[in-house]
Amino acid sequence: MGCISPAPGFLEGLRALCDAHQILLIFDEVMTGFRLAPGGVQELKNVQADIVTFGKVIGGGLPVGAFAANTDIMSYLAPLGPVYQAGTLSGNPLAMAAGFAMLSELNQRREIFTSLDQKTKYLHKGLSQVFTSRGVAHTINREQSMISVHFSHTPVTDFETAAGAASNGMFNKFFHGMLDQGIYIAPSAYETWFLTDALTYKDLDQTINAADHAAKLLA
């Protein structure tokens, strides 16, 4: 459904609800982990989960996944506890080396999170100005370096509004218009755009200019 931030108080409400009923709170940080902040969305929103899951970010892009929790919970896993967990790629040396190198780099260059946030704000502002100048109804959702574009008259806050109110037909025209300009974005209105710090402001200006050409197809 694209990039949709939790409403104020939502994550805090989940934490309080789980605490009240002695339920473990699990955060899926496959996309947000080590991207929104060094501590992921937990750090960004100041809400701590009991269990957190990560994807290939911890393998430097190679196929791997992981979950983490406090010692009390993790002690249920073998060989300390009765829960057996294993997989073909568990602890794969290549993925672990790549992940360690990437996470070490992030730890040494924490300014990258600020840089990514600033670049995404720049892109957000440029795209919004383009769509507004072309008279194209739009909603742009952004959370740090995650952003998604919806051609909607109303806010997009969940899957229902992403699928119903937003015009995915317009997005398809926009996607092909961007492709004609040499810019390859995620090919679905339900995808989040993930910025990389390798993008320069010149690259972002080129993207915004391409969006201006593509927006002509939508006006």
N, C-alpha and C. Protein backbone atom coordinates (compact mmCIF):
# COMPACT_ATOMS: atom_id res chain seq x y z
N MET A 1 0.82 -1.22 0.00
CA MET A 1 0.00 0.00 0.00
C MET A 1 0.85 1.26 0.00
N GLY A 2 2.15 1.10 -0.28
CA GLY A 2 3.01 2.27 -0.31
C GLY A 2 3.52 2.63 1.07
N CYS A 3 4.08 3.81 1.18
CA CYS A 3 4.61 4.29 2.45
C CYS A 3 3.48 4.93 3.26
N ILE A 4 3.12 4.32 4.35
CA ILE A 4 2.07 4.86 5.21
C ILE A 4 2.59 4.87 6.64
N SER A 5 2.73 6.05 7.19
CA SER A 5 3.23 6.19 8.56
C SER A 5 2.13 5.85 9.56
N PRO A 6 2.50 5.32 10.71
CA PRO A 6 1.48 5.07 11.75
C PRO A 6 0.92 6.38 12.27
N ALA A 7 -0.37 6.41 12.49
CA ALA A 7 -1.00 7.61 13.04
C ALA A 7 -0.43 7.89 14.43
N PRO A 8 -0.38 9.16 14.83
CA PRO A 8 0.13 9.49 16.17
C PRO A 8 -0.59 8.68 17.25
N GLY A 9 0.17 8.04 18.09
CA GLY A 9 -0.40 7.26 19.18
C GLY A 9 -0.68 5.81 18.84
N PHE A 10 -0.59 5.43 17.55
CA PHE A 10 -0.92 4.06 17.16
C PHE A 10 0.06 3.04 17.74
N LEU A 11 1.35 3.27 17.52
CA LEU A 11 2.35 2.33 18.03
C LEU A 11 2.37 2.34 19.56
N GLU A 12 2.20 3.53 20.15
CA GLU A 12 2.15 3.63 21.61
C GLU A 12 0.94 2.86 22.14
N GLY A 13 -0.17 2.92 21.39
CA GLY A 13 -1.38 2.19 21.79
C GLY A 13 -1.18 0.69 21.73
N LEU A 14 -0.47 0.22 20.69
CA LEU A 14 -0.16 -1.21 20.60
C LEU A 14 0.69 -1.66 21.78
N ARG A 15 1.69 -0.84 22.12
CA ARG A 15 2.56 -1.17 23.24
C ARG A 15 1.77 -1.27 24.54
N ALA A 16 0.90 -0.31 24.77
CA ALA A 16 0.10 -0.30 25.99
C ALA A 16 -0.88 -1.48 26.03
N LEU A 17 -1.48 -1.79 24.88
CA LEU A 17 -2.43 -2.90 24.79
C LEU A 17 -1.74 -4.23 25.07
N CYS A 18 -0.56 -4.41 24.47
CA CYS A 18 0.19 -5.65 24.69
C CYS A 18 0.63 -5.79 26.14
N ASP A 19 1.06 -4.68 26.72
CA ASP A 19 1.47 -4.71 28.13
C ASP A 19 0.29 -5.07 29.03
N ALA A 20 -0.88 -4.52 28.71
CA ALA A 20 -2.06 -4.75 29.54
C ALA A 20 -2.50 -6.21 29.52
N HIS A 21 -2.26 -6.88 28.40
CA HIS A 21 -2.71 -8.27 28.24
C HIS A 21 -1.55 -9.27 28.21
N GLN A 22 -0.36 -8.80 28.56
CA GLN A 22 0.84 -9.66 28.60
C GLN A 22 1.06 -10.37 27.26
N ILE A 23 1.00 -9.59 26.19
CA ILE A 23 1.21 -10.08 24.83
C ILE A 23 2.53 -9.52 24.31
N LEU A 24 3.27 -10.35 23.58
CA LEU A 24 4.51 -9.88 22.98
C LEU A 24 4.20 -8.99 21.77
N LEU A 25 4.85 -7.84 21.70
CA LEU A 25 4.71 -6.92 20.57
C LEU A 25 5.84 -7.18 19.58
N ILE A 26 5.48 -7.49 18.34
CA ILE A 26 6.46 -7.79 17.31
C ILE A 26 6.45 -6.70 16.25
N PHE A 27 7.61 -6.17 15.95
CA PHE A 27 7.77 -5.18 14.88
C PHE A 27 8.45 -5.84 13.68
N ASP A 28 7.86 -5.69 12.52
CA ASP A 28 8.49 -6.13 11.27
C ASP A 28 9.30 -4.95 10.74
N GLU A 29 10.61 -5.03 10.90
CA GLU A 29 11.49 -3.95 10.44
C GLU A 29 12.30 -4.39 9.21
N VAL A 30 11.71 -5.27 8.40
CA VAL A 30 12.38 -5.73 7.19
C VAL A 30 12.70 -4.54 6.28
N MET A 31 11.80 -3.54 6.23
CA MET A 31 12.03 -2.37 5.38
C MET A 31 12.57 -1.18 6.17
N THR A 32 12.19 -1.06 7.42
CA THR A 32 12.56 0.13 8.19
C THR A 32 13.85 -0.02 8.99
N GLY A 33 14.25 -1.26 9.24
CA GLY A 33 15.43 -1.50 10.05
C GLY A 33 16.71 -0.97 9.43
N PHE A 34 17.47 -0.17 10.18
CA PHE A 34 18.73 0.42 9.74
C PHE A 34 18.54 1.35 8.54
N ARG A 35 17.30 1.75 8.25
CA ARG A 35 17.05 2.73 7.18
C ARG A 35 16.51 4.03 7.76
N LEU A 36 15.50 3.95 8.61
CA LEU A 36 14.91 5.17 9.16
C LEU A 36 15.79 5.80 10.24
N ALA A 37 16.54 4.95 10.92
CA ALA A 37 17.44 5.39 11.98
C ALA A 37 18.33 4.20 12.32
N PRO A 38 19.45 4.42 13.02
CA PRO A 38 20.29 3.27 13.41
C PRO A 38 19.50 2.21 14.17
N GLY A 39 18.53 2.64 14.96
CA GLY A 39 17.69 1.72 15.72
C GLY A 39 16.34 1.46 15.07
N GLY A 40 16.22 1.81 13.81
CA GLY A 40 14.98 1.55 13.09
C GLY A 40 13.81 2.37 13.59
N VAL A 41 12.60 1.88 13.32
CA VAL A 41 11.41 2.62 13.70
C VAL A 41 11.25 2.68 15.22
N GLN A 42 11.84 1.70 15.91
CA GLN A 42 11.77 1.74 17.38
C GLN A 42 12.45 2.99 17.91
N GLU A 43 13.61 3.30 17.35
CA GLU A 43 14.32 4.51 17.76
C GLU A 43 13.59 5.76 17.29
N LEU A 44 13.12 5.72 16.04
CA LEU A 44 12.49 6.90 15.45
C LEU A 44 11.22 7.28 16.20
N LYS A 45 10.42 6.28 16.57
CA LYS A 45 9.13 6.54 17.23
C LYS A 45 9.19 6.36 18.74
N ASN A 46 10.35 5.96 19.25
CA ASN A 46 10.55 5.78 20.69
C ASN A 46 9.54 4.79 21.28
N VAL A 47 9.34 3.69 20.56
CA VAL A 47 8.49 2.60 21.04
C VAL A 47 9.26 1.31 20.86
N GLN A 48 9.45 0.56 21.95
CA GLN A 48 10.26 -0.64 21.88
C GLN A 48 9.38 -1.88 21.76
N ALA A 49 9.71 -2.73 20.80
CA ALA A 49 9.02 -3.99 20.62
C ALA A 49 9.70 -5.08 21.45
N ASP A 50 9.00 -6.19 21.63
CA ASP A 50 9.59 -7.33 22.34
C ASP A 50 10.40 -8.20 21.40
N ILE A 51 9.93 -8.32 20.15
CA ILE A 51 10.63 -9.08 19.12
C ILE A 51 10.66 -8.22 17.87
N VAL A 52 11.77 -8.24 17.16
CA VAL A 52 11.89 -7.46 15.93
C VAL A 52 12.47 -8.36 14.85
N THR A 53 11.97 -8.21 13.62
CA THR A 53 12.47 -9.01 12.50
C THR A 53 13.18 -8.11 11.50
N PHE A 54 14.22 -8.65 10.87
CA PHE A 54 15.00 -7.91 9.88
C PHE A 54 15.13 -8.76 8.61
N GLY A 55 15.32 -8.10 7.49
CA GLY A 55 15.50 -8.79 6.22
C GLY A 55 16.93 -8.71 5.75
N LYS A 56 17.10 -8.66 4.42
CA LYS A 56 18.43 -8.77 3.83
C LYS A 56 19.32 -7.57 4.10
N VAL A 57 18.79 -6.54 4.80
CA VAL A 57 19.65 -5.42 5.19
C VAL A 57 20.81 -5.92 6.05
N ILE A 58 20.57 -6.95 6.87
CA ILE A 58 21.64 -7.44 7.74
C ILE A 58 22.60 -8.35 6.99
N GLY A 59 22.32 -8.61 5.71
CA GLY A 59 23.23 -9.40 4.89
C GLY A 59 23.84 -8.57 3.79
N GLY A 60 23.80 -7.25 3.93
CA GLY A 60 24.35 -6.38 2.91
C GLY A 60 23.66 -6.55 1.57
N GLY A 61 22.38 -6.94 1.59
CA GLY A 61 21.61 -7.14 0.37
C GLY A 61 21.51 -8.59 -0.05
N LEU A 62 22.29 -9.46 0.56
CA LEU A 62 22.22 -10.89 0.24
C LEU A 62 21.03 -11.53 0.97
N PRO A 63 20.54 -12.68 0.49
CA PRO A 63 19.34 -13.28 1.08
C PRO A 63 19.59 -13.82 2.48
N VAL A 64 18.97 -13.19 3.45
CA VAL A 64 19.08 -13.63 4.83
C VAL A 64 17.99 -12.92 5.63
N GLY A 65 17.63 -13.46 6.74
CA GLY A 65 16.67 -12.81 7.63
C GLY A 65 17.09 -13.06 9.06
N ALA A 66 16.54 -12.29 9.97
CA ALA A 66 16.89 -12.46 11.38
C ALA A 66 15.77 -11.94 12.26
N PHE A 67 15.74 -12.44 13.47
CA PHE A 67 14.85 -11.88 14.47
C PHE A 67 15.65 -11.70 15.76
N ALA A 68 15.22 -10.76 16.57
CA ALA A 68 15.96 -10.44 17.79
C ALA A 68 14.99 -10.14 18.92
N ALA A 69 15.44 -10.37 20.12
CA ALA A 69 14.63 -10.10 21.30
C ALA A 69 15.56 -10.05 22.50
N ASN A 70 14.99 -9.85 23.68
CA ASN A 70 15.83 -9.83 24.88
C ASN A 70 16.24 -11.26 25.25
N THR A 71 17.13 -11.36 26.22
CA THR A 71 17.69 -12.66 26.59
C THR A 71 16.61 -13.63 27.07
N ASP A 72 15.63 -13.14 27.80
CA ASP A 72 14.57 -14.03 28.32
C ASP A 72 13.84 -14.73 27.18
N ILE A 73 13.54 -13.98 26.12
CA ILE A 73 12.82 -14.56 24.99
C ILE A 73 13.73 -15.45 24.15
N MET A 74 14.94 -14.97 23.85
CA MET A 74 15.85 -15.72 23.00
C MET A 74 16.33 -17.01 23.66
N SER A 75 16.25 -17.08 24.96
CA SER A 75 16.70 -18.30 25.65
C SER A 75 15.77 -19.48 25.41
N TYR A 76 14.61 -19.23 24.81
CA TYR A 76 13.72 -20.34 24.44
C TYR A 76 14.25 -21.10 23.23
N LEU A 77 15.19 -20.51 22.50
CA LEU A 77 15.73 -21.16 21.31
C LEU A 77 16.79 -22.19 21.68
N ALA A 78 16.85 -23.26 20.88
CA ALA A 78 17.89 -24.27 21.07
C ALA A 78 19.27 -23.64 20.80
N PRO A 79 20.30 -24.03 21.50
CA PRO A 79 20.34 -25.19 22.40
C PRO A 79 19.95 -24.90 23.84
N LEU A 80 19.64 -23.64 24.17
CA LEU A 80 19.27 -23.31 25.54
C LEU A 80 17.85 -23.72 25.86
N GLY A 81 16.95 -23.64 24.85
CA GLY A 81 15.54 -23.91 25.08
C GLY A 81 14.98 -24.94 24.12
N PRO A 82 13.65 -25.15 24.17
CA PRO A 82 13.02 -26.22 23.39
C PRO A 82 12.65 -25.85 21.96
N VAL A 83 12.78 -24.58 21.58
CA VAL A 83 12.36 -24.14 20.25
C VAL A 83 13.53 -24.27 19.27
N TYR A 84 13.34 -25.11 18.26
CA TYR A 84 14.41 -25.36 17.29
C TYR A 84 14.24 -24.44 16.09
N GLN A 85 15.30 -23.76 15.69
CA GLN A 85 15.26 -22.87 14.54
C GLN A 85 16.51 -23.10 13.71
N ALA A 86 16.30 -23.34 12.41
CA ALA A 86 17.45 -23.54 11.52
C ALA A 86 17.00 -23.30 10.10
N GLY A 87 17.96 -23.12 9.21
CA GLY A 87 17.64 -22.90 7.81
C GLY A 87 18.89 -23.03 6.98
N THR A 88 18.70 -23.23 5.68
CA THR A 88 19.83 -23.43 4.79
C THR A 88 20.81 -22.26 4.83
N LEU A 89 20.27 -21.05 4.92
CA LEU A 89 21.12 -19.87 4.88
C LEU A 89 21.43 -19.29 6.26
N SER A 90 21.09 -20.01 7.31
CA SER A 90 21.36 -19.50 8.65
C SER A 90 22.87 -19.32 8.87
N GLY A 91 23.26 -18.11 9.18
CA GLY A 91 24.67 -17.84 9.44
C GLY A 91 25.56 -18.00 8.22
N ASN A 92 24.99 -17.86 7.01
CA ASN A 92 25.79 -17.98 5.79
C ASN A 92 27.00 -17.03 5.86
N PRO A 93 28.21 -17.54 5.74
CA PRO A 93 29.41 -16.70 5.94
C PRO A 93 29.48 -15.49 5.02
N LEU A 94 29.09 -15.65 3.74
CA LEU A 94 29.16 -14.53 2.80
C LEU A 94 28.18 -13.43 3.21
N ALA A 95 26.95 -13.82 3.52
CA ALA A 95 25.94 -12.84 3.91
C ALA A 95 26.32 -12.16 5.22
N MET A 96 26.87 -12.92 6.16
CA MET A 96 27.25 -12.34 7.45
C MET A 96 28.40 -11.34 7.28
N ALA A 97 29.35 -11.67 6.42
CA ALA A 97 30.48 -10.76 6.18
C ALA A 97 30.00 -9.48 5.51
N ALA A 98 29.11 -9.62 4.53
CA ALA A 98 28.58 -8.45 3.82
C ALA A 98 27.74 -7.59 4.77
N GLY A 99 26.92 -8.23 5.58
CA GLY A 99 26.08 -7.49 6.52
C GLY A 99 26.90 -6.78 7.57
N PHE A 100 27.92 -7.45 8.07
CA PHE A 100 28.79 -6.83 9.07
C PHE A 100 29.49 -5.60 8.50
N ALA A 101 29.95 -5.72 7.26
CA ALA A 101 30.63 -4.59 6.61
C ALA A 101 29.68 -3.42 6.43
N MET A 102 28.46 -3.70 5.99
CA MET A 102 27.49 -2.64 5.75
C MET A 102 27.06 -1.96 7.05
N LEU A 103 26.75 -2.77 8.07
CA LEU A 103 26.31 -2.20 9.34
C LEU A 103 27.45 -1.44 10.03
N SER A 104 28.67 -1.91 9.86
CA SER A 104 29.82 -1.19 10.42
C SER A 104 29.96 0.17 9.76
N GLU A 105 29.76 0.21 8.45
CA GLU A 105 29.84 1.47 7.72
C GLU A 105 28.76 2.44 8.18
N LEU A 106 27.55 1.94 8.36
CA LEU A 106 26.46 2.79 8.85
C LEU A 106 26.77 3.32 10.24
N ASN A 107 27.35 2.49 11.07
CA ASN A 107 27.67 2.91 12.43
C ASN A 107 28.72 4.01 12.44
N GLN A 108 29.63 3.99 11.48
CA GLN A 108 30.68 5.00 11.39
C GLN A 108 30.22 6.26 10.67
N ARG A 109 29.16 6.14 9.87
CA ARG A 109 28.68 7.28 9.09
C ARG A 109 27.20 7.56 9.41
N ARG A 110 26.95 7.90 10.65
CA ARG A 110 25.56 8.11 11.07
C ARG A 110 24.92 9.31 10.40
N GLU A 111 25.75 10.19 9.84
CA GLU A 111 25.20 11.35 9.14
C GLU A 111 24.44 10.94 7.89
N ILE A 112 24.61 9.70 7.45
CA ILE A 112 23.93 9.24 6.24
C ILE A 112 22.42 9.28 6.43
N PHE A 113 21.94 9.08 7.65
CA PHE A 113 20.50 9.09 7.90
C PHE A 113 19.93 10.50 7.71
N THR A 114 20.68 11.50 8.15
CA THR A 114 20.27 12.89 7.94
C THR A 114 20.32 13.25 6.46
N SER A 115 21.38 12.81 5.78
CA SER A 115 21.52 13.08 4.36
C SER A 115 20.37 12.47 3.56
N LEU A 116 20.02 11.23 3.87
CA LEU A 116 18.92 10.56 3.18
C LEU A 116 17.59 11.29 3.43
N ASP A 117 17.38 11.70 4.66
CA ASP A 117 16.15 12.41 5.01
C ASP A 117 16.04 13.72 4.24
N GLN A 118 17.14 14.46 4.14
CA GLN A 118 17.14 15.74 3.44
C GLN A 118 16.90 15.56 1.95
N LYS A 119 17.50 14.54 1.37
CA LYS A 119 17.31 14.29 -0.06
C LYS A 119 15.87 13.88 -0.36
N THR A 120 15.29 13.09 0.54
CA THR A 120 13.91 12.66 0.32
C THR A 120 12.94 13.83 0.46
N LYS A 121 13.20 14.72 1.41
CA LYS A 121 12.40 15.95 1.54
C LYS A 121 12.49 16.78 0.27
N TYR A 122 13.69 16.86 -0.28
CA TYR A 122 13.91 17.63 -1.51
C TYR A 122 13.09 17.04 -2.66
N LEU A 123 13.14 15.72 -2.80
CA LEU A 123 12.36 15.06 -3.84
C LEU A 123 10.87 15.24 -3.62
N HIS A 124 10.44 15.11 -2.38
CA HIS A 124 9.03 15.28 -2.02
C HIS A 124 8.54 16.67 -2.43
N LYS A 125 9.28 17.68 -2.06
CA LYS A 125 8.90 19.06 -2.38
C LYS A 125 8.86 19.28 -3.89
N GLY A 126 9.87 18.78 -4.60
CA GLY A 126 9.92 18.96 -6.05
C GLY A 126 8.77 18.27 -6.76
N LEU A 127 8.47 17.05 -6.37
CA LEU A 127 7.36 16.31 -7.00
C LEU A 127 6.03 17.01 -6.73
N SER A 128 5.83 17.44 -5.49
CA SER A 128 4.58 18.11 -5.13
C SER A 128 4.39 19.39 -5.94
N GLN A 129 5.46 20.16 -6.11
CA GLN A 129 5.38 21.39 -6.91
C GLN A 129 5.03 21.08 -8.36
N VAL A 130 5.60 20.01 -8.89
CA VAL A 130 5.32 19.61 -10.27
C VAL A 130 3.84 19.26 -10.44
N PHE A 131 3.34 18.39 -9.56
CA PHE A 131 1.95 17.94 -9.68
C PHE A 131 0.97 19.10 -9.47
N THR A 132 1.30 19.97 -8.53
CA THR A 132 0.43 21.12 -8.26
C THR A 132 0.39 22.05 -9.47
N SER A 133 1.54 22.31 -10.06
CA SER A 133 1.61 23.21 -11.22
C SER A 133 0.86 22.64 -12.42
N ARG A 134 0.78 21.31 -12.50
CA ARG A 134 0.09 20.65 -13.61
C ARG A 134 -1.38 20.37 -13.30
N GLY A 135 -1.81 20.74 -12.10
CA GLY A 135 -3.20 20.52 -11.72
C GLY A 135 -3.54 19.07 -11.50
N VAL A 136 -2.56 18.29 -11.05
CA VAL A 136 -2.75 16.86 -10.82
C VAL A 136 -2.99 16.60 -9.33
N ALA A 137 -4.16 16.03 -9.01
CA ALA A 137 -4.46 15.70 -7.62
C ALA A 137 -3.49 14.61 -7.14
N HIS A 138 -2.93 14.80 -5.97
CA HIS A 138 -1.93 13.84 -5.51
C HIS A 138 -1.81 13.85 -3.99
N THR A 139 -1.32 12.75 -3.49
CA THR A 139 -0.92 12.63 -2.09
C THR A 139 0.45 11.99 -2.06
N ILE A 140 1.39 12.60 -1.39
CA ILE A 140 2.73 12.03 -1.26
C ILE A 140 2.96 11.72 0.22
N ASN A 141 3.20 10.45 0.49
CA ASN A 141 3.51 10.02 1.85
C ASN A 141 5.00 9.85 2.00
N ARG A 142 5.53 10.27 3.12
CA ARG A 142 6.98 10.16 3.33
C ARG A 142 7.28 9.88 4.79
N GLU A 143 8.25 9.01 5.03
CA GLU A 143 8.79 8.75 6.36
C GLU A 143 10.29 8.60 6.21
N GLN A 144 11.02 9.65 6.58
CA GLN A 144 12.48 9.67 6.41
C GLN A 144 12.83 9.41 4.94
N SER A 145 13.55 8.33 4.61
CA SER A 145 13.96 8.09 3.23
C SER A 145 13.04 7.13 2.49
N MET A 146 11.82 6.97 2.99
CA MET A 146 10.80 6.17 2.30
C MET A 146 9.70 7.12 1.82
N ILE A 147 9.25 6.95 0.58
CA ILE A 147 8.28 7.88 0.00
C ILE A 147 7.41 7.13 -1.01
N SER A 148 6.16 7.53 -1.12
CA SER A 148 5.30 6.95 -2.16
C SER A 148 4.35 8.02 -2.69
N VAL A 149 4.03 7.89 -3.98
CA VAL A 149 3.17 8.85 -4.68
C VAL A 149 1.83 8.20 -4.99
N HIS A 150 0.75 8.88 -4.63
CA HIS A 150 -0.60 8.39 -4.91
C HIS A 150 -1.37 9.52 -5.60
N PHE A 151 -2.03 9.18 -6.68
CA PHE A 151 -2.83 10.18 -7.39
C PHE A 151 -4.25 10.13 -6.84
N SER A 152 -4.42 10.83 -5.74
CA SER A 152 -5.65 10.77 -4.96
C SER A 152 -6.05 12.16 -4.50
N HIS A 153 -7.36 12.39 -4.40
CA HIS A 153 -7.88 13.65 -3.85
C HIS A 153 -7.89 13.62 -2.32
N THR A 154 -7.77 12.44 -1.75
CA THR A 154 -7.87 12.29 -0.29
C THR A 154 -6.61 11.65 0.26
N PRO A 155 -6.36 11.80 1.56
CA PRO A 155 -5.18 11.18 2.17
C PRO A 155 -5.20 9.66 2.01
N VAL A 156 -4.04 9.08 1.84
CA VAL A 156 -3.90 7.63 1.76
C VAL A 156 -3.30 7.15 3.08
N THR A 157 -4.14 6.46 3.86
CA THR A 157 -3.75 6.08 5.22
C THR A 157 -3.79 4.59 5.48
N ASP A 158 -4.30 3.81 4.52
CA ASP A 158 -4.37 2.35 4.70
C ASP A 158 -4.56 1.71 3.33
N PHE A 159 -4.70 0.37 3.30
CA PHE A 159 -4.81 -0.30 2.00
C PHE A 159 -6.10 0.09 1.29
N GLU A 160 -7.16 0.28 2.04
CA GLU A 160 -8.44 0.63 1.42
C GLU A 160 -8.35 1.95 0.67
N THR A 161 -7.72 2.94 1.26
CA THR A 161 -7.60 4.24 0.58
C THR A 161 -6.55 4.18 -0.52
N ALA A 162 -5.53 3.34 -0.35
CA ALA A 162 -4.52 3.19 -1.40
C ALA A 162 -5.13 2.51 -2.63
N ALA A 163 -6.02 1.56 -2.40
CA ALA A 163 -6.61 0.80 -3.51
C ALA A 163 -7.85 1.48 -4.09
N GLY A 164 -8.57 2.21 -3.25
CA GLY A 164 -9.84 2.78 -3.69
C GLY A 164 -9.76 4.21 -4.17
N ALA A 165 -9.33 5.09 -3.30
CA ALA A 165 -9.35 6.51 -3.64
C ALA A 165 -8.27 6.88 -4.65
N ALA A 166 -7.13 6.21 -4.56
CA ALA A 166 -6.02 6.53 -5.44
C ALA A 166 -6.25 5.93 -6.83
N SER A 167 -5.87 6.68 -7.86
CA SER A 167 -6.04 6.21 -9.23
C SER A 167 -4.79 5.46 -9.68
N ASN A 168 -4.88 4.14 -9.67
CA ASN A 168 -3.73 3.34 -10.09
C ASN A 168 -3.55 3.39 -11.61
N GLY A 169 -4.65 3.68 -12.33
CA GLY A 169 -4.52 3.87 -13.77
C GLY A 169 -3.64 5.06 -14.09
N MET A 170 -3.80 6.13 -13.33
CA MET A 170 -2.95 7.31 -13.51
C MET A 170 -1.51 6.99 -13.14
N PHE A 171 -1.34 6.18 -12.13
CA PHE A 171 0.02 5.81 -11.74
C PHE A 171 0.71 5.05 -12.87
N ASN A 172 -0.02 4.17 -13.53
CA ASN A 172 0.57 3.42 -14.64
C ASN A 172 1.03 4.36 -15.75
N LYS A 173 0.21 5.38 -16.05
CA LYS A 173 0.61 6.37 -17.05
C LYS A 173 1.86 7.12 -16.59
N PHE A 174 1.87 7.46 -15.31
CA PHE A 174 3.02 8.18 -14.75
C PHE A 174 4.28 7.32 -14.81
N PHE A 175 4.14 6.04 -14.46
CA PHE A 175 5.29 5.13 -14.49
C PHE A 175 5.91 5.07 -15.89
N HIS A 176 5.07 4.90 -16.91
CA HIS A 176 5.59 4.78 -18.28
C HIS A 176 6.12 6.13 -18.79
N GLY A 177 5.50 7.22 -18.31
CA GLY A 177 6.02 8.54 -18.66
C GLY A 177 7.40 8.77 -18.08
N MET A 178 7.62 8.31 -16.84
CA MET A 178 8.94 8.42 -16.21
C MET A 178 9.94 7.52 -16.93
N LEU A 179 9.49 6.32 -17.31
CA LEU A 179 10.38 5.39 -18.00
C LEU A 179 10.84 5.96 -19.33
N ASP A 180 9.93 6.66 -20.01
CA ASP A 180 10.30 7.30 -21.29
C ASP A 180 11.36 8.38 -21.10
N GLN A 181 11.42 8.93 -19.89
CA GLN A 181 12.42 9.96 -19.58
C GLN A 181 13.69 9.37 -18.98
N GLY A 182 13.76 8.04 -18.93
CA GLY A 182 14.95 7.38 -18.42
C GLY A 182 14.98 7.18 -16.92
N ILE A 183 13.84 7.36 -16.26
CA ILE A 183 13.76 7.18 -14.81
C ILE A 183 12.91 5.95 -14.52
N TYR A 184 13.50 4.98 -13.87
CA TYR A 184 12.79 3.73 -13.57
C TYR A 184 12.40 3.71 -12.10
N ILE A 185 11.12 3.96 -11.81
CA ILE A 185 10.62 3.93 -10.44
C ILE A 185 9.96 2.58 -10.20
N ALA A 186 9.56 2.33 -8.98
CA ALA A 186 8.84 1.10 -8.67
C ALA A 186 7.57 1.05 -9.53
N PRO A 187 7.29 -0.08 -10.19
CA PRO A 187 6.21 -0.14 -11.18
C PRO A 187 4.82 -0.33 -10.61
N SER A 188 4.62 -0.10 -9.33
CA SER A 188 3.30 -0.28 -8.72
C SER A 188 3.01 0.86 -7.77
N ALA A 189 1.74 1.26 -7.74
CA ALA A 189 1.33 2.31 -6.81
C ALA A 189 1.40 1.83 -5.36
N TYR A 190 1.49 0.53 -5.17
CA TYR A 190 1.55 -0.03 -3.82
C TYR A 190 2.97 -0.18 -3.30
N GLU A 191 3.95 0.27 -4.09
CA GLU A 191 5.34 0.14 -3.68
C GLU A 191 5.85 1.44 -3.05
N THR A 192 6.74 1.28 -2.10
CA THR A 192 7.44 2.42 -1.52
C THR A 192 8.72 2.67 -2.31
N TRP A 193 9.05 3.94 -2.50
CA TRP A 193 10.35 4.29 -3.09
C TRP A 193 11.36 4.38 -1.95
N PHE A 194 12.51 3.71 -2.13
CA PHE A 194 13.57 3.74 -1.13
C PHE A 194 14.76 4.50 -1.72
N LEU A 195 15.07 5.64 -1.15
CA LEU A 195 16.20 6.41 -1.67
C LEU A 195 17.53 5.86 -1.17
N THR A 196 18.54 6.02 -2.00
CA THR A 196 19.90 5.68 -1.63
C THR A 196 20.73 6.95 -1.58
N ASP A 197 21.69 6.98 -0.69
CA ASP A 197 22.51 8.18 -0.56
C ASP A 197 23.45 8.35 -1.75
N ALA A 198 23.53 7.33 -2.61
CA ALA A 198 24.33 7.46 -3.83
C ALA A 198 23.69 8.45 -4.80
N LEU A 199 22.40 8.70 -4.65
CA LEU A 199 21.73 9.70 -5.49
C LEU A 199 22.23 11.09 -5.15
N THR A 200 22.58 11.86 -6.16
CA THR A 200 23.01 13.24 -5.97
C THR A 200 21.80 14.15 -6.16
N TYR A 201 21.95 15.43 -5.80
CA TYR A 201 20.87 16.38 -6.03
C TYR A 201 20.66 16.60 -7.53
N LYS A 202 21.69 16.40 -8.31
CA LYS A 202 21.54 16.45 -9.77
C LYS A 202 20.64 15.32 -10.23
N ASP A 203 20.82 14.14 -9.65
CA ASP A 203 19.95 13.00 -9.97
C ASP A 203 18.50 13.29 -9.58
N LEU A 204 18.33 13.90 -8.42
CA LEU A 204 16.99 14.22 -7.95
C LEU A 204 16.33 15.27 -8.84
N ASP A 205 17.10 16.27 -9.27
CA ASP A 205 16.57 17.28 -10.20
C ASP A 205 16.14 16.63 -11.51
N GLN A 206 16.93 15.67 -11.97
CA GLN A 206 16.58 14.95 -13.20
C GLN A 206 15.28 14.17 -13.01
N THR A 207 15.11 13.60 -11.83
CA THR A 207 13.89 12.86 -11.52
C THR A 207 12.69 13.79 -11.48
N ILE A 208 12.87 14.95 -10.87
CA ILE A 208 11.78 15.93 -10.78
C ILE A 208 11.42 16.46 -12.17
N ASN A 209 12.42 16.72 -12.99
CA ASN A 209 12.16 17.18 -14.36
C ASN A 209 11.44 16.10 -15.17
N ALA A 210 11.82 14.85 -14.96
CA ALA A 210 11.13 13.75 -15.64
C ALA A 210 9.68 13.67 -15.18
N ALA A 211 9.45 13.91 -13.90
CA ALA A 211 8.09 13.88 -13.37
C ALA A 211 7.24 14.99 -14.00
N ASP A 212 7.87 16.12 -14.30
CA ASP A 212 7.14 17.21 -14.94
C ASP A 212 6.67 16.79 -16.33
N HIS A 213 7.52 16.11 -17.07
CA HIS A 213 7.13 15.61 -18.40
C HIS A 213 6.04 14.54 -18.27
N ALA A 214 6.21 13.63 -17.31
CA ALA A 214 5.24 12.55 -17.13
C ALA A 214 3.89 13.08 -16.66
N ALA A 215 3.91 14.17 -15.87
CA ALA A 215 2.67 14.73 -15.35
C ALA A 215 1.78 15.31 -16.45
N LYS A 216 2.40 15.65 -17.59
CA LYS A 216 1.60 16.15 -18.72
C LYS A 216 0.61 15.10 -19.21
N LEU A 217 0.95 13.83 -19.01
CA LEU A 217 0.07 12.74 -19.42
C LEU A 217 -1.15 12.61 -18.52
N LEU A 218 -1.06 13.26 -17.34
CA LEU A 218 -2.11 13.10 -16.32
C LEU A 218 -3.03 14.29 -16.25
N ALA A 219 -2.58 15.43 -16.72
CA ALA A 219 -3.36 16.67 -16.58
C ALA A 219 -4.63 16.62 -17.43
